[in-house]
């Protein structure tokens, strides 16, 4: 299978060669790179900004694993399955919770320092959906920053591991057999590797993170534009469960006009006893779920959204005043500083919060070794769909998933290498250039995509809202671009326009547009409410028809098609 679609871009002006190219520098990508280097494989890490600018360093709460006394992988599995609302792949979850504790110990051995008590044991907290304290944290609420620091230091200390920063990945390269053989990318800078180039490799690992920037308000950094999922779709790979976007219930509300990355108020704040209240101070989660404020995230986000609708307001409050100044300063210093920077003091007043796009439970479909449906192309971390999260990710399982499945990818590549099953690949240059060049939208389309998605495909969805969203996206796409078969004929009315110039802003806009259209294609088809997919016109969960995954592909003719997995 050859790549049939690519971004419009100049021909590569430079080429380099390696064994494994890893795209992304979060916990998943760096773990893959470090582990394949132990096997003697050459590796190149490509990252969109600086090495530590991805989503990992923004993770506040921690990493979940059965490390505490009395806790077991089985209990962790049960909590994960409940949160996933019937769509978790149990074998994948069992792999996660069984291998998770050892993966955390490997992370500690790499140099990550978790918070410990006076007895030297790792301190553990609770978050939503967990029935036990099993969340290890660092720096109080700076877990991701500490994990990123340790991994980046390890990577920088390996002179044989090549780093390419400020580079946007464009498209997959394949050999004549359709096996991944490298990728094209654009490096923003000066020197020998400036502009569009190519990396030839024996295998490609995508660890590009999420796609939160498809919505107006998100906890994701600006670089999270769905590049990995978009590349995989253009390469012919299957993606699955894209409709399940988790909206974090408690994101600092900065006003009705706030856009882009918003400050997160970790679930760990509720884990330590903070209450969700309305403007009158009434706790509205009591009686809604046995865990109240610690219910799974989809339940809390829906409750906040419904309460806002009932009261005609655009935010609720998180009240942690009873913590006192000392606890805020020691346990949640990052959140305290962030709130105070925006004029809110959690020690003396409730924090205004509202849900915002946070995590993609779906992504590029993989097996238990991180292998996608394209030979030689792997994926791990948020960009992947391993089946662990189902319809709603359990809190703090994301860092653990990145660790566990990154180690599995590295083990698979190591095994293939030792078995002689990782030969050098010859890039089919003619086929790469023959692929259909997707027209690029104007860079201004990014804001319109976000507006359309937030309005029609956010926390609350309906057939009507998504039809409007799909039609709006089709207008932005223009003729010749990938489109949903469910998007109607709106694109046929668009006059021919000169495509935008190939550059970072237009490539990112094209990726966002493709991912947004794929998400709406799947969400419009899933006629039920499940996990973090909430259909107002189908308010009930429908196991008889929908306890199965939706697999989305981009056909050779440019149609985005979502097909229900056979039961």
Protein backbone atom coordinates (compact mmCIF):
# COMPACT_ATOMS: atom_id res chain seq x y z
CA UNK A 1 0.00 0.00 0.00
CA UNK A 2 1.48 3.32 -1.05
CA UNK A 3 0.66 6.73 0.38
CA UNK A 4 -2.10 8.24 -1.76
CA UNK A 5 -2.34 11.71 -0.19
CA UNK A 6 0.31 14.18 0.94
CA UNK A 7 0.52 17.78 1.98
CA UNK A 8 1.39 20.21 -0.78
CA UNK A 9 5.06 20.92 -0.14
CA UNK A 10 8.33 21.49 -2.01
CA UNK A 11 10.48 18.47 -2.85
CA UNK A 12 12.94 17.59 -0.05
CA UNK A 13 16.12 19.62 -0.31
CA UNK A 14 18.17 17.39 2.01
CA UNK A 15 18.16 13.78 3.21
CA UNK A 16 19.55 11.93 6.21
CA UNK A 17 19.43 8.26 7.19
CA UNK A 18 18.87 6.42 10.47
CA UNK A 19 17.46 3.15 11.79
CA UNK A 20 14.45 4.49 13.71
CA UNK A 21 12.93 7.94 13.47
CA UNK A 22 10.75 9.00 16.41
CA UNK A 23 8.41 11.95 16.00
CA UNK A 24 7.62 13.59 19.32
CA UNK A 25 9.55 14.31 22.50
CA UNK A 26 7.07 13.55 25.27
CA UNK A 27 7.19 10.59 27.63
CA UNK A 28 6.29 8.14 24.85
CA UNK A 29 8.70 9.33 22.16
CA UNK A 30 11.73 9.75 24.40
CA UNK A 31 11.14 6.37 26.05
CA UNK A 32 11.14 4.67 22.64
CA UNK A 33 14.31 6.48 21.60
CA UNK A 34 16.21 5.67 24.80
CA UNK A 35 15.23 2.01 24.65
CA UNK A 36 16.08 1.39 20.99
CA UNK A 37 19.46 3.01 21.61
CA UNK A 38 20.13 0.36 24.28
CA UNK A 39 19.78 -2.22 21.51
CA UNK A 40 22.39 -0.43 19.42
CA UNK A 41 19.98 1.02 16.89
CA UNK A 42 20.55 4.50 15.54
CA UNK A 43 17.71 6.89 16.31
CA UNK A 44 16.63 10.40 15.38
CA UNK A 45 14.10 12.29 17.49
CA UNK A 46 12.12 14.92 15.60
CA UNK A 47 10.20 17.44 17.67
CA UNK A 48 8.03 20.36 16.65
CA UNK A 49 9.40 22.94 19.08
CA UNK A 50 12.02 22.49 21.79
CA UNK A 51 12.65 19.05 23.23
CA UNK A 52 10.52 19.68 26.33
CA UNK A 53 7.67 21.69 24.77
CA UNK A 54 5.13 18.88 24.35
CA UNK A 55 2.15 17.89 26.48
CA UNK A 56 4.07 15.74 28.98
CA UNK A 57 5.51 18.66 30.91
CA UNK A 58 2.03 20.14 31.41
CA UNK A 59 0.74 17.01 33.19
CA UNK A 60 0.02 18.01 36.77
CA UNK A 61 -1.72 15.18 38.58
CA UNK A 62 0.67 12.27 38.20
CA UNK A 63 1.06 8.76 36.90
CA UNK A 64 -1.24 5.91 37.93
CA UNK A 65 0.15 2.51 38.92
CA UNK A 66 -0.60 -0.13 41.55
CA UNK A 67 2.33 0.78 43.80
CA UNK A 68 0.59 1.20 47.15
CA UNK A 69 0.03 -1.32 49.91
CA UNK A 70 -3.15 -3.31 49.29
CA UNK A 71 -3.50 -2.10 45.71
CA UNK A 72 -3.29 -4.59 42.85
CA UNK A 73 -3.18 -4.47 39.04
CA UNK A 74 -6.58 -6.14 39.10
CA UNK A 75 -8.13 -3.26 41.02
CA UNK A 76 -6.49 -0.77 38.65
CA UNK A 77 -7.90 -2.78 35.74
CA UNK A 78 -11.41 -2.68 37.20
CA UNK A 79 -11.35 1.10 37.62
CA UNK A 80 -10.02 1.56 34.07
CA UNK A 81 -12.73 -0.66 32.57
CA UNK A 82 -15.49 1.21 34.41
CA UNK A 83 -14.19 4.59 33.19
CA UNK A 84 -13.92 3.28 29.62
CA UNK A 85 -17.68 2.68 29.46
CA UNK A 86 -17.62 -0.71 27.76
CA UNK A 87 -15.14 0.09 24.98
CA UNK A 88 -11.78 -0.76 26.58
CA UNK A 89 -9.85 -3.67 25.13
CA UNK A 90 -9.36 -5.75 28.27
CA UNK A 91 -6.12 -7.35 27.06
CA UNK A 92 -4.62 -3.90 26.46
CA UNK A 93 -5.73 -2.70 29.90
CA UNK A 94 -4.33 -5.84 31.54
CA UNK A 95 -1.02 -5.19 29.80
CA UNK A 96 -1.03 -1.59 31.04
CA UNK A 97 -1.77 -2.31 34.69
CA UNK A 98 0.47 -5.40 34.90
CA UNK A 99 3.55 -3.84 33.30
CA UNK A 100 2.86 -0.36 34.70
CA UNK A 101 4.57 -0.62 38.11
CA UNK A 102 7.83 -1.88 36.57
CA UNK A 103 7.67 0.83 33.90
CA UNK A 104 7.45 3.46 36.65
CA UNK A 105 10.48 1.91 38.34
CA UNK A 106 12.36 2.16 35.04
CA UNK A 107 11.41 5.83 34.92
CA UNK A 108 12.77 6.34 38.43
CA UNK A 109 15.98 4.59 37.40
CA UNK A 110 16.24 7.06 34.51
CA UNK A 111 16.29 9.88 37.05
CA UNK A 112 12.70 10.94 37.71
CA UNK A 113 12.22 11.92 41.36
CA UNK A 114 8.74 11.41 42.76
CA UNK A 115 7.45 12.93 46.00
CA UNK A 116 8.16 10.69 48.99
CA UNK A 117 7.10 10.64 52.62
CA UNK A 118 9.31 10.67 55.68
CA UNK A 119 9.55 6.88 55.44
CA UNK A 120 10.99 7.14 51.93
CA UNK A 121 7.94 5.59 50.27
CA UNK A 122 6.39 7.22 47.19
CA UNK A 123 3.44 9.42 48.15
CA UNK A 124 0.21 8.44 46.41
CA UNK A 125 -3.01 10.39 45.89
CA UNK A 126 -6.45 9.74 44.39
CA UNK A 127 -8.11 11.14 41.31
CA UNK A 128 -11.48 10.70 39.63
CA UNK A 129 -12.56 7.11 38.98
CA UNK A 130 -9.88 5.57 41.22
CA UNK A 131 -11.02 3.68 44.29
CA UNK A 132 -7.50 3.67 45.78
CA UNK A 133 -4.62 6.08 46.18
CA UNK A 134 -2.40 5.08 43.27
CA UNK A 135 -1.31 8.38 41.67
CA UNK A 136 2.43 9.03 42.08
CA UNK A 137 3.32 12.71 41.75
CA UNK A 138 6.39 14.95 41.68
CA UNK A 139 6.94 18.52 42.82
CA UNK A 140 3.43 18.48 44.25
CA UNK A 141 1.62 19.20 40.99
CA UNK A 142 4.53 19.27 38.51
CA UNK A 143 4.77 15.56 37.67
CA UNK A 144 4.98 15.98 33.92
CA UNK A 145 7.69 18.60 34.21
CA UNK A 146 9.82 16.28 36.34
CA UNK A 147 9.33 13.30 34.02
CA UNK A 148 10.16 15.46 31.02
CA UNK A 149 13.27 16.82 32.77
CA UNK A 150 14.58 13.33 33.55
CA UNK A 151 13.97 11.95 30.06
CA UNK A 152 15.35 15.01 28.27
CA UNK A 153 18.50 14.83 30.40
CA UNK A 154 18.94 11.15 29.53
CA UNK A 155 18.44 11.83 25.83
CA UNK A 156 20.87 14.74 25.78
CA UNK A 157 23.51 12.60 27.49
CA UNK A 158 23.47 10.08 24.63
CA UNK A 159 25.77 11.41 21.89
CA UNK A 160 24.50 8.74 19.51
CA UNK A 161 20.93 9.97 19.64
CA UNK A 162 20.33 12.69 17.08
CA UNK A 163 17.85 15.48 17.81
CA UNK A 164 16.07 17.70 15.29
CA UNK A 165 14.11 20.47 17.00
CA UNK A 166 11.72 23.03 15.49
CA UNK A 167 10.62 20.51 12.87
CA UNK A 168 7.09 19.87 11.62
CA UNK A 169 6.58 16.36 10.26
CA UNK A 170 4.79 16.34 6.90
CA UNK A 171 4.20 12.89 5.42
CA UNK A 172 5.23 9.24 5.53
CA UNK A 173 7.60 7.77 2.98
CA UNK A 174 7.19 4.13 1.94
CA UNK A 175 9.12 1.60 -0.09
CA UNK A 176 7.75 -0.32 -3.08
CA UNK A 177 6.10 -2.82 -0.71
CA UNK A 178 4.23 -0.13 1.20
CA UNK A 179 6.47 -0.46 4.27
CA UNK A 180 7.27 2.74 6.15
CA UNK A 181 10.68 3.93 5.00
CA UNK A 182 10.98 7.37 6.56
CA UNK A 183 9.22 10.70 6.42
CA UNK A 184 9.35 14.23 5.09
CA UNK A 185 9.57 17.21 7.43
CA UNK A 186 10.11 20.93 7.50
CA UNK A 187 12.80 22.36 9.75
CA UNK A 188 12.36 25.93 10.90
CA UNK A 189 15.85 27.36 11.14
CA UNK A 190 19.07 27.92 9.30
CA UNK A 191 21.88 25.62 8.28
CA UNK A 192 22.26 22.39 6.36
CA UNK A 193 18.88 21.14 7.52
CA UNK A 194 16.66 24.07 6.76
CA UNK A 195 13.30 23.83 5.01
CA UNK A 196 11.77 20.62 3.66
CA UNK A 197 13.89 17.49 3.99
CA UNK A 198 13.58 13.73 4.29
CA UNK A 199 14.70 11.15 6.84
CA UNK A 200 15.08 7.62 5.54
CA UNK A 201 14.58 4.98 8.23
CA UNK A 202 13.88 1.30 8.76
CA UNK A 203 10.90 2.14 10.99
CA UNK A 204 8.88 5.22 11.95
CA UNK A 205 7.39 5.86 15.39
CA UNK A 206 4.72 8.54 15.82
CA UNK A 207 4.49 9.99 19.34
CA UNK A 208 3.16 13.41 18.35
CA UNK A 209 0.68 13.86 21.20
CA UNK A 210 -2.86 15.15 20.94
CA UNK A 211 -5.12 17.30 18.83
CA UNK A 212 -6.64 19.64 21.42
CA UNK A 213 -6.02 22.70 19.24
CA UNK A 214 -8.94 21.58 17.09
CA UNK A 215 -11.09 23.31 19.74
CA UNK A 216 -11.06 26.96 20.83
CA UNK A 217 -10.31 26.22 24.49
CA UNK A 218 -7.96 23.39 25.44
CA UNK A 219 -5.36 22.41 27.98
CA UNK A 220 -3.06 21.33 25.14
CA UNK A 221 -0.06 23.41 24.04
CA UNK A 222 -0.17 25.26 20.73
CA UNK A 223 1.82 22.49 19.02
CA UNK A 224 -0.99 19.92 19.51
CA UNK A 225 -2.52 20.20 16.05
CA UNK A 226 -3.18 16.52 15.32
CA UNK A 227 -0.17 16.16 13.02
CA UNK A 228 0.35 12.46 13.73
CA UNK A 229 -3.25 11.41 13.16
CA UNK A 230 -3.40 13.50 9.98
CA UNK A 231 -0.16 11.95 8.65
CA UNK A 232 -1.47 8.46 9.45
CA UNK A 233 -4.76 9.08 7.65
CA UNK A 234 -2.96 10.37 4.55
CA UNK A 235 -0.73 7.29 4.71
CA UNK A 236 -3.74 4.98 4.64
CA UNK A 237 -3.65 3.92 8.29
CA UNK A 238 -6.75 3.19 10.31
CA UNK A 239 -7.70 5.53 13.14
CA UNK A 240 -10.32 4.66 15.70
CA UNK A 241 -12.53 6.19 18.42
CA UNK A 242 -11.78 9.80 17.37
CA UNK A 243 -15.19 10.87 18.67
CA UNK A 244 -14.07 10.26 22.26
CA UNK A 245 -12.38 13.54 23.16
CA UNK A 246 -12.12 14.00 26.90
CA UNK A 247 -13.00 17.44 28.20
CA UNK A 248 -11.25 18.10 31.49
CA UNK A 249 -13.92 19.25 33.95
CA UNK A 250 -11.84 21.82 35.83
CA UNK A 251 -9.95 24.22 33.61
CA UNK A 252 -9.37 27.75 34.88
CA UNK A 253 -12.08 29.93 33.37
CA UNK A 254 -10.53 33.11 32.01
CA UNK A 255 -13.60 34.72 30.50
CA UNK A 256 -15.91 34.13 27.51
CA UNK A 257 -13.37 35.33 24.95
CA UNK A 258 -10.46 33.18 26.12
CA UNK A 259 -8.96 30.96 23.40
CA UNK A 260 -5.99 28.62 22.97
CA UNK A 261 -4.23 26.85 25.80
CA UNK A 262 -5.98 27.35 29.15
CA UNK A 263 -4.50 26.61 32.62
CA UNK A 264 -5.43 23.22 34.02
CA UNK A 265 -6.61 22.76 37.60
CA UNK A 266 -5.58 19.17 38.25
CA UNK A 267 -8.03 16.50 39.26
CA UNK A 268 -5.69 15.89 42.18
CA UNK A 269 -7.12 19.05 43.77
CA UNK A 270 -10.45 17.26 43.98
CA UNK A 271 -8.59 14.13 45.01
CA UNK A 272 -7.35 15.98 48.07
CA UNK A 273 -10.85 17.15 48.97
CA UNK A 274 -11.80 20.29 47.02
CA UNK A 275 -15.52 20.67 46.22
CA UNK A 276 -17.34 21.68 43.06
CA UNK A 277 -19.91 24.37 43.82
CA UNK A 278 -22.12 26.87 42.05
CA UNK A 279 -22.11 30.61 42.68
CA UNK A 280 -24.26 30.09 45.78
CA UNK A 281 -21.75 27.60 47.21
CA UNK A 282 -23.97 24.53 46.66
CA UNK A 283 -22.18 21.23 45.98
CA UNK A 284 -23.98 19.89 42.91
CA UNK A 285 -22.06 16.58 42.52
CA UNK A 286 -23.54 15.13 45.71
CA UNK A 287 -26.13 12.50 44.79
CA UNK A 288 -25.09 12.41 41.13
CA UNK A 289 -22.47 9.68 41.59
CA UNK A 290 -21.15 7.55 44.45
CA UNK A 291 -17.74 9.25 44.14
CA UNK A 292 -19.24 12.78 43.93
CA UNK A 293 -16.45 15.14 42.73
CA UNK A 294 -14.24 12.09 42.09
CA UNK A 295 -16.57 10.52 39.55
CA UNK A 296 -14.99 9.74 36.13
CA UNK A 297 -14.24 12.83 34.11
CA UNK A 298 -17.03 12.45 31.57
CA UNK A 299 -19.61 12.40 34.36
CA UNK A 300 -18.14 15.47 36.08
CA UNK A 301 -17.77 17.43 32.82
CA UNK A 302 -21.37 16.67 31.88
CA UNK A 303 -22.60 17.66 35.35
CA UNK A 304 -20.76 20.99 35.20
CA UNK A 305 -22.04 21.66 31.68
CA UNK A 306 -25.61 20.80 32.64
CA UNK A 307 -25.40 22.97 35.76
CA UNK A 308 -24.13 25.88 33.68
CA UNK A 309 -27.07 25.41 31.29
CA UNK A 310 -29.60 25.32 34.12
CA UNK A 311 -28.20 28.45 35.75
CA UNK A 312 -27.44 30.36 32.56
CA UNK A 313 -23.76 30.85 33.36
CA UNK A 314 -20.51 29.91 31.66
CA UNK A 315 -18.56 28.54 34.64
CA UNK A 316 -18.81 26.86 38.03
CA UNK A 317 -16.36 26.96 40.96
CA UNK A 318 -13.84 24.68 42.62
CA UNK A 319 -13.62 25.42 46.35
CA UNK A 320 -10.41 24.47 48.15
CA UNK A 321 -10.32 27.28 50.68
CA UNK A 322 -10.41 24.76 53.53
CA UNK A 323 -6.95 23.48 52.45
CA UNK A 324 -5.28 26.54 53.93
CA UNK A 325 -2.27 28.42 52.57
CA UNK A 326 0.36 25.86 53.62
CA UNK A 327 -1.25 22.97 51.73
CA UNK A 328 -1.77 25.06 48.59
CA UNK A 329 1.86 26.17 48.68
CA UNK A 330 3.33 22.70 49.27
CA UNK A 331 0.96 20.37 47.40
CA UNK A 332 -0.19 22.57 44.51
CA UNK A 333 2.43 25.30 44.00
CA UNK A 334 2.08 25.35 40.19
CA UNK A 335 -1.71 25.70 40.26
CA UNK A 336 -1.52 28.30 43.02
CA UNK A 337 0.93 30.41 41.02
CA UNK A 338 -1.13 30.06 37.85
CA UNK A 339 -4.33 31.14 39.57
CA UNK A 340 -2.67 34.09 41.29
CA UNK A 341 -1.14 35.16 37.97
CA UNK A 342 -4.71 35.52 36.69
CA UNK A 343 -5.92 37.43 39.74
CA UNK A 344 -7.49 34.53 41.66
CA UNK A 345 -6.30 33.40 45.10
CA UNK A 346 -7.48 29.82 45.84
CA UNK A 347 -6.56 30.28 49.50
CA UNK A 348 -9.27 32.89 49.98
CA UNK A 349 -11.75 32.39 47.09
CA UNK A 350 -13.23 29.59 44.94
CA UNK A 351 -11.61 29.02 41.54
CA UNK A 352 -13.83 29.64 38.48
CA UNK A 353 -13.70 26.55 36.26
CA UNK A 354 -15.26 25.18 33.08
CA UNK A 355 -14.62 22.09 30.91
CA UNK A 356 -12.12 22.36 28.04
CA UNK A 357 -10.74 19.89 25.48
CA UNK A 358 -8.05 17.86 27.18
CA UNK A 359 -7.27 14.40 25.84
CA UNK A 360 -7.98 12.27 22.76
CA UNK A 361 -8.92 8.78 23.92
CA UNK A 362 -8.89 7.64 20.29
CA UNK A 363 -6.17 7.90 17.67
CA UNK A 364 -4.11 5.78 15.32
CA UNK A 365 -5.17 2.17 15.72
CA UNK A 366 -2.41 -0.07 17.08
CA UNK A 367 -1.91 -3.57 18.40
CA UNK A 368 -0.30 -4.42 21.74
CA UNK A 369 3.16 -3.76 20.27
CA UNK A 370 2.30 -0.31 18.96
CA UNK A 371 2.13 -1.49 15.34
CA UNK A 372 -0.33 0.38 13.12
CA UNK A 373 -2.08 -1.00 10.05
CA UNK A 374 0.76 0.37 7.88
CA UNK A 375 3.80 -1.97 8.05
CA UNK A 376 6.76 -0.35 9.78
CA UNK A 377 4.72 2.53 11.18
CA UNK A 378 4.29 2.54 14.97
CA UNK A 379 2.38 4.89 17.27
CA UNK A 380 2.30 5.43 21.03
CA UNK A 381 1.10 7.96 23.58
CA UNK A 382 -1.89 10.19 22.99
CA UNK A 383 -1.65 9.93 19.20
CA UNK A 384 -2.32 6.19 19.41
CA UNK A 385 -5.42 4.17 20.23
CA UNK A 386 -4.24 1.02 21.99
CA UNK A 387 -7.70 0.22 23.33
CA UNK A 388 -6.70 1.10 26.89
CA UNK A 389 -8.93 4.15 27.33
CA UNK A 390 -12.15 3.06 25.64
CA UNK A 391 -14.76 5.80 25.63
CA UNK A 392 -13.17 7.80 28.45
CA UNK A 393 -9.61 7.80 29.83
CA UNK A 394 -9.18 7.09 33.51
CA UNK A 395 -7.28 9.91 35.20
CA UNK A 396 -3.46 9.65 35.09
CA UNK A 397 -3.44 6.56 32.87
CA UNK A 398 -2.01 8.63 30.00
CA UNK A 399 1.59 8.94 31.19
CA UNK A 400 1.54 5.25 32.13
CA UNK A 401 0.23 4.25 28.70
CA UNK A 402 2.98 6.28 27.05
CA UNK A 403 5.61 4.51 29.15
CA UNK A 404 4.32 0.95 28.85
CA UNK A 405 3.60 0.94 25.12
CA UNK A 406 6.78 2.86 24.28
CA UNK A 407 8.74 0.10 26.00
CA UNK A 408 6.74 -2.47 24.00
CA UNK A 409 7.50 -0.72 20.70
CA UNK A 410 11.20 -0.60 21.56
CA UNK A 411 11.12 -4.31 22.46
CA UNK A 412 9.41 -5.14 19.16
CA UNK A 413 11.94 -3.13 17.15
CA UNK A 414 14.81 -4.68 19.09
CA UNK A 415 13.48 -8.17 18.43
CA UNK A 416 13.03 -7.46 14.74
CA UNK A 417 16.54 -6.01 14.55
CA UNK A 418 18.12 -9.07 16.17
CA UNK A 419 16.12 -11.37 13.92
CA UNK A 420 17.30 -9.54 10.81
CA UNK A 421 13.77 -8.33 10.13
CA UNK A 422 14.61 -4.63 10.10
CA UNK A 423 16.43 -4.14 6.77
CA UNK A 424 17.28 -0.84 5.13
CA UNK A 425 14.44 0.46 3.01
CA UNK A 426 14.57 2.07 -0.41
CA UNK A 427 12.20 5.00 -0.65
CA UNK A 428 9.81 4.92 -3.57
CA UNK A 429 10.39 8.55 -4.53
CA UNK A 430 8.23 8.40 -7.64
CA UNK A 431 5.26 7.08 -5.68
CA UNK A 432 5.78 9.71 -2.97
CA UNK A 433 5.67 12.57 -5.46
CA UNK A 434 2.76 10.98 -7.33
CA UNK A 435 0.51 11.03 -4.26
CA UNK A 436 -2.31 13.57 -4.42
CA UNK A 437 -1.16 16.89 -2.96
CA UNK A 438 -3.87 18.06 -0.58
CA UNK A 439 -4.79 21.74 -1.12
CA UNK A 440 -3.81 23.88 1.83
CA UNK A 441 -6.31 26.15 3.58
CA UNK A 442 -5.41 29.70 4.52
CA UNK A 443 -3.77 30.00 7.96
CA UNK A 444 -6.82 31.96 9.14
CA UNK A 445 -8.84 28.75 8.79
CA UNK A 446 -7.41 27.53 12.09
CA UNK A 447 -9.53 29.91 14.16
CA UNK A 448 -12.65 29.09 12.15
CA UNK A 449 -12.07 25.33 12.56
CA UNK A 450 -11.80 25.84 16.32
CA UNK A 451 -14.94 27.96 16.44
CA UNK A 452 -16.95 25.43 14.43
CA UNK A 453 -15.76 22.48 16.50
CA UNK A 454 -16.32 24.13 19.88
CA UNK A 455 -19.82 25.19 18.90
CA UNK A 456 -21.00 21.97 17.26
CA UNK A 457 -18.78 19.08 18.34
CA UNK A 458 -17.72 19.95 21.88
CA UNK A 459 -19.12 18.57 25.13
CA UNK A 460 -22.71 18.62 23.79
CA UNK A 461 -23.42 17.19 20.34
CA UNK A 462 -26.44 16.48 18.15
CA UNK A 463 -27.09 15.45 14.57
CA UNK A 464 -28.01 19.04 13.70
CA UNK A 465 -24.96 20.61 15.38
CA UNK A 466 -22.58 18.20 13.69
CA UNK A 467 -24.20 18.57 10.28
CA UNK A 468 -23.63 22.32 10.58
CA UNK A 469 -20.04 21.70 11.69
CA UNK A 470 -19.35 19.30 8.83
CA UNK A 471 -20.77 21.75 6.29
CA UNK A 472 -18.63 24.56 7.68
CA UNK A 473 -15.50 22.41 7.57
CA UNK A 474 -16.25 21.39 3.99
CA UNK A 475 -16.43 25.06 2.99
CA UNK A 476 -12.99 25.61 4.49
CA UNK A 477 -11.59 22.55 2.72
CA UNK A 478 -12.51 23.63 -0.77
CA UNK A 479 -12.42 21.43 -3.87
CA UNK A 480 -9.95 18.56 -4.07
CA UNK A 481 -9.44 18.22 -0.32
CA UNK A 482 -10.33 15.15 1.78
CA UNK A 483 -13.93 15.30 2.91
CA UNK A 484 -16.48 13.34 4.85
CA UNK A 485 -19.15 11.42 2.99
CA UNK A 486 -21.51 12.68 5.66
CA UNK A 487 -20.57 16.32 5.18
CA UNK A 488 -23.12 17.00 2.44
CA UNK A 489 -22.40 18.81 -0.79
CA UNK A 490 -21.39 22.17 0.70
CA UNK A 491 -17.92 21.97 -0.82
CA UNK A 492 -19.37 21.83 -4.32
CA UNK A 493 -20.53 25.43 -3.99
CA UNK A 494 -17.07 26.78 -3.22
CA UNK A 495 -15.42 28.71 -6.03
CA UNK A 496 -11.97 27.66 -7.17
CA UNK A 497 -9.37 29.58 -5.20
CA UNK A 498 -5.61 29.61 -5.40
CA UNK A 499 -4.28 27.29 -2.66
CA UNK A 500 -2.41 28.87 0.22
CA UNK A 501 1.37 28.86 0.16
CA UNK A 502 3.03 25.82 1.75
CA UNK A 503 4.32 26.87 5.18
CA UNK A 504 3.99 25.83 8.81
CA UNK A 505 0.75 27.74 9.42
CA UNK A 506 -1.03 26.29 6.36
CA UNK A 507 0.27 22.76 6.99
CA UNK A 508 -1.01 22.93 10.57
CA UNK A 509 -4.35 24.27 9.38
CA UNK A 510 -4.60 21.38 6.89
CA UNK A 511 -3.88 18.85 9.64
CA UNK A 512 -6.46 20.40 11.96
CA UNK A 513 -9.03 20.43 9.17
CA UNK A 514 -8.47 16.76 8.31
CA UNK A 515 -8.59 15.64 11.95
CA UNK A 516 -11.65 17.79 12.70
CA UNK A 517 -13.50 16.36 9.70
CA UNK A 518 -12.57 12.81 10.72
CA UNK A 519 -13.75 13.45 14.29
CA UNK A 520 -17.10 14.82 13.14
CA UNK A 521 -17.52 11.95 10.66
CA UNK A 522 -17.23 9.45 13.52
CA UNK A 523 -19.20 11.47 16.08
CA UNK A 524 -22.12 11.97 13.68
CA UNK A 525 -22.32 8.24 13.14
CA UNK A 526 -22.23 7.15 16.81
CA UNK A 527 -25.91 7.57 17.65
CA UNK A 528 -25.65 7.15 21.43
CA UNK A 529 -24.19 8.75 24.52
CA UNK A 530 -21.16 6.89 25.87
CA UNK A 531 -18.18 8.05 27.90
CA UNK A 532 -17.07 11.48 26.77
CA UNK A 533 -19.25 11.38 23.64
CA UNK A 534 -22.53 13.05 24.60
CA UNK A 535 -25.39 13.13 22.07
CA UNK A 536 -28.32 15.24 23.21
CA UNK A 537 -30.52 13.57 20.56
CA UNK A 538 -29.44 10.08 21.71
CA UNK A 539 -29.02 10.51 25.48
CA UNK A 540 -28.76 6.81 26.36
CA UNK A 541 -25.95 4.30 26.02
CA UNK A 542 -26.85 1.68 23.37
CA UNK A 543 -24.77 -1.46 23.88
CA UNK A 544 -26.87 -3.48 21.43
CA UNK A 545 -25.76 -1.36 18.49
CA UNK A 546 -22.75 0.65 19.63
CA UNK A 547 -20.58 -1.38 21.99
CA UNK A 548 -17.95 -1.42 19.26
CA UNK A 549 -15.29 0.80 17.78
CA UNK A 550 -15.60 3.08 14.77
CA UNK A 551 -12.70 2.74 12.34
CA UNK A 552 -12.04 5.81 10.17
CA UNK A 553 -9.95 5.82 7.00
CA UNK A 554 -9.16 8.21 4.18
CA UNK A 555 -9.87 6.48 0.88
CA UNK A 556 -7.80 6.88 -2.28
CA UNK A 557 -10.58 9.06 -3.71
CA UNK A 558 -10.40 11.45 -0.77
CA UNK A 559 -13.44 10.31 1.23
CA UNK A 560 -13.27 10.04 5.02
CA UNK A 561 -15.26 6.95 5.97
CA UNK A 562 -16.12 5.66 9.46
CA UNK A 563 -17.02 1.98 9.61
CA UNK A 564 -18.32 0.22 12.73
CA UNK A 565 -16.15 -2.69 13.81
CA UNK A 566 -17.96 -6.00 13.49
CA UNK A 567 -19.31 -7.27 16.80
